[in-house]
Structures are given as C-alpha cells and as structure tokens.
C-alpha cells in the first residue's frame, strides 16, 4: 500500500466517528509493525487522546490474542483432491477436467515410442526377403520364354 492510502486511513481514524470496523486495517498494520514511524506516532497520539479509539484498539488486541491462542490445524490429506473435484463439478469440467491421453503422457515419451516402432518396421523391411527394397545384384532377372524376342539379351 502506498503512503497516501495509509494517510487516508489515518485521517479516518482521527475523526473518531468510525467504528472498530473502519479502523481494523489501520490497527492491524500497527499491531503487525507495518506502519511507517510517522503514522505509528500519529496513531499512538490518537489512541492517547481518543477514548473510543483506545477502546476499539483494546478490543482489537483482545480479539488478536484470542485468535492466536487457537490451535492450528493442518488440512486433510485429500484436501487438494476434494478442492479439484469441487471445482471440476462446479465448472462443468472446464477446470481440472478429464485429460486426454497426450496430456497425461509427456510428448517426449510418445516421440521415443514412435521412433522405436519406426525402427522396428525399418529393420523388418530390410531383413525380409519379400519386403526388402534392396537389390540382389548376383542374380539376373528371369525372362519368360515367349518374351525372348521382345526383350534384348543381357550379356
């Protein structure tokens, strides 16, 4: 918060017309030690001169002491899951909805799997006698007996 905001709050507290609710934020900043020294001194002067402000601050301090004495509890183990389920239900699945297969498995893992499959297909094609694209240079192609007149002879 800027100094102007704090100054405006301080001026509200000085009027004495506001209740505890109007001064709670200013009291909170003072209680936590977040007010600038000049503003803290002005608030202390107000508390010394204004009985209502002093009573409001005493009530605020009493409330803070009672709150600090409460037992702190940790969230349940499944708290995050229950919050996600609630958000999913209330948003109609727009948030934390069911994810597609590609979002659950990293793209790198899918790319590696595709490369492995492509490698296997390539190896099978190269090692097969019928599905191979390699030429066997040792054997000459067979020529049908009736085609000898059309096809030139290879030497």
Protein backbone atom coordinates (compact mmCIF):
# COMPACT_ATOMS: atom_id res chain seq x y z
CA UNK A 1 0.00 0.00 0.00
CA UNK A 2 1.14 3.50 -0.66
CA UNK A 3 1.68 6.20 1.94
CA UNK A 4 -1.35 8.10 0.59
CA UNK A 5 -3.63 5.15 1.37
CA UNK A 6 -2.27 4.89 4.91
CA UNK A 7 -2.61 8.64 5.39
CA UNK A 8 -6.24 8.46 4.29
CA UNK A 9 -6.93 5.65 6.75
CA UNK A 10 -5.19 7.58 9.49
CA UNK A 11 -7.33 10.63 8.81
CA UNK A 12 -10.44 8.44 9.05
CA UNK A 13 -9.28 7.13 12.42
CA UNK A 14 -8.65 10.68 13.68
CA UNK A 15 -12.25 11.74 13.12
CA UNK A 16 -13.43 9.39 15.86
CA UNK A 17 -16.73 8.86 14.03
CA UNK A 18 -15.77 5.47 12.61
CA UNK A 19 -16.33 2.25 14.47
CA UNK A 20 -13.89 -0.57 15.05
CA UNK A 21 -14.71 -1.93 11.58
CA UNK A 22 -13.41 1.22 9.88
CA UNK A 23 -10.14 1.12 11.83
CA UNK A 24 -9.40 -2.61 11.79
CA UNK A 25 -7.00 -2.39 8.84
CA UNK A 26 -5.08 0.51 10.39
CA UNK A 27 -4.97 -1.29 13.74
CA UNK A 28 -3.79 -4.47 12.01
CA UNK A 29 -0.92 -2.68 10.30
CA UNK A 30 0.08 -1.07 13.60
CA UNK A 31 -0.23 -4.37 15.51
CA UNK A 32 2.00 -6.14 12.96
CA UNK A 33 4.54 -3.29 12.89
CA UNK A 34 3.90 -2.38 9.25
CA UNK A 35 3.07 1.30 9.74
CA UNK A 36 5.68 3.94 8.99
CA UNK A 37 7.13 5.52 12.15
CA UNK A 38 5.34 8.82 11.49
CA UNK A 39 1.97 7.09 11.02
CA UNK A 40 2.55 4.91 14.08
CA UNK A 41 3.29 8.00 16.16
CA UNK A 42 0.11 9.69 14.87
CA UNK A 43 -1.97 6.62 15.72
CA UNK A 44 -0.41 6.44 19.19
CA UNK A 45 -1.28 10.13 19.72
CA UNK A 46 -4.86 9.41 18.61
CA UNK A 47 -5.09 6.45 20.97
CA UNK A 48 -3.81 8.61 23.82
CA UNK A 49 -6.36 11.37 23.17
CA UNK A 50 -9.47 9.47 21.99
CA UNK A 51 -11.25 7.14 24.42
CA UNK A 52 -13.35 5.45 21.69
CA UNK A 53 -10.30 4.74 19.53
CA UNK A 54 -8.46 3.41 22.59
CA UNK A 55 -11.38 1.10 23.43
CA UNK A 56 -11.60 -0.07 19.80
CA UNK A 57 -7.88 -0.85 19.75
CA UNK A 58 -8.16 -2.71 23.07
CA UNK A 59 -10.98 -4.80 21.60
CA UNK A 60 -8.87 -5.44 18.51
CA UNK A 61 -5.89 -6.58 20.62
CA UNK A 62 -8.14 -8.84 22.70
CA UNK A 63 -9.51 -10.43 19.51
CA UNK A 64 -6.00 -10.95 18.11
CA UNK A 65 -4.85 -12.60 21.36
CA UNK A 66 -7.85 -14.94 21.33
CA UNK A 67 -7.18 -15.87 17.71
CA UNK A 68 -3.50 -16.52 18.35
CA UNK A 69 -4.39 -18.97 21.10
CA UNK A 70 -6.42 -21.18 18.79
CA UNK A 71 -4.99 -24.49 17.73
CA UNK A 72 -3.64 -24.58 14.21
CA UNK A 73 -4.93 -27.48 12.19
CA UNK A 74 -3.44 -28.97 9.09
CA UNK A 75 -5.54 -29.64 6.01
CA UNK A 76 -6.81 -33.19 5.45
CA UNK A 77 -4.62 -35.44 3.32
CA UNK A 78 -7.08 -35.43 0.41
CA UNK A 79 -7.87 -31.71 0.65
CA UNK A 80 -6.36 -30.81 -2.74
CA UNK A 81 -8.20 -33.67 -4.46
CA UNK A 82 -11.52 -32.63 -2.92
CA UNK A 83 -10.97 -29.00 -3.95
CA UNK A 84 -10.19 -30.09 -7.53
CA UNK A 85 -13.29 -32.29 -7.58
CA UNK A 86 -15.45 -29.42 -6.33
CA UNK A 87 -14.03 -27.04 -8.93
CA UNK A 88 -14.47 -29.64 -11.69
CA UNK A 89 -18.07 -30.26 -10.65
CA UNK A 90 -18.99 -26.56 -10.36
CA UNK A 91 -17.25 -25.56 -13.60
CA UNK A 92 -18.77 -28.37 -15.60
CA UNK A 93 -15.35 -29.87 -16.32
CA UNK A 94 -13.75 -26.71 -17.73
CA UNK A 95 -11.16 -26.73 -14.95
CA UNK A 96 -9.44 -29.90 -13.76
CA UNK A 97 -11.44 -31.87 -16.34
CA UNK A 98 -10.57 -35.30 -17.62
CA UNK A 99 -7.34 -35.05 -19.53
CA UNK A 100 -6.66 -36.52 -22.93
CA UNK A 101 -4.09 -39.27 -23.37
CA UNK A 102 -1.49 -36.83 -24.77
CA UNK A 103 -1.75 -34.60 -21.70
CA UNK A 104 -1.12 -37.46 -19.29
CA UNK A 105 1.96 -38.85 -21.05
CA UNK A 106 4.81 -36.49 -21.92
CA UNK A 107 5.27 -35.83 -25.62
CA UNK A 108 8.91 -36.93 -25.36
CA UNK A 109 7.83 -40.42 -24.30
CA UNK A 110 5.41 -40.61 -27.22
CA UNK A 111 8.13 -39.44 -29.64
CA UNK A 112 10.55 -42.10 -28.38
CA UNK A 113 7.86 -44.78 -28.74
CA UNK A 114 7.14 -43.71 -32.33
CA UNK A 115 10.87 -43.76 -33.15
CA UNK A 116 11.21 -47.29 -31.72
CA UNK A 117 8.23 -48.51 -33.74
CA UNK A 118 9.61 -46.88 -36.91
CA UNK A 119 12.99 -48.53 -36.27
CA UNK A 120 11.39 -51.95 -35.87
CA UNK A 121 9.37 -51.53 -39.07
CA UNK A 122 12.51 -50.41 -40.95
CA UNK A 123 14.56 -53.36 -39.63
CA UNK A 124 11.81 -55.83 -40.53
CA UNK A 125 11.60 -54.39 -44.04
CA UNK A 126 15.37 -54.59 -44.57
CA UNK A 127 15.72 -58.12 -43.24
CA UNK A 128 12.77 -59.65 -45.12
CA UNK A 129 13.42 -61.27 -48.49
CA UNK A 130 9.97 -60.43 -49.81
CA UNK A 131 9.53 -56.97 -48.37
CA UNK A 132 13.02 -55.71 -48.98
CA UNK A 133 13.89 -52.81 -51.25
CA UNK A 134 17.47 -53.93 -51.65
CA UNK A 135 18.58 -55.37 -54.96
CA UNK A 136 20.27 -58.71 -55.25
CA UNK A 137 22.98 -57.94 -57.84
CA UNK A 138 24.18 -61.54 -58.14
CA UNK A 139 21.14 -62.94 -59.93
CA UNK A 140 19.84 -61.91 -63.31
CA UNK A 141 16.12 -61.38 -63.77
CA UNK A 142 14.24 -64.28 -65.32
CA UNK A 143 12.78 -63.73 -68.77
CA UNK A 144 9.67 -65.59 -69.84
CA UNK A 145 10.22 -67.90 -72.81
CA UNK A 146 7.70 -66.09 -75.01
CA UNK A 147 9.30 -62.72 -74.30
CA UNK A 148 12.77 -63.56 -75.61
CA UNK A 149 12.06 -62.00 -78.97
CA UNK A 150 10.94 -58.68 -77.43
CA UNK A 151 13.45 -58.31 -74.62
CA UNK A 152 17.06 -57.68 -75.62
CA UNK A 153 19.56 -60.21 -74.37
CA UNK A 154 21.74 -59.35 -71.43
CA UNK A 155 25.35 -60.33 -71.65
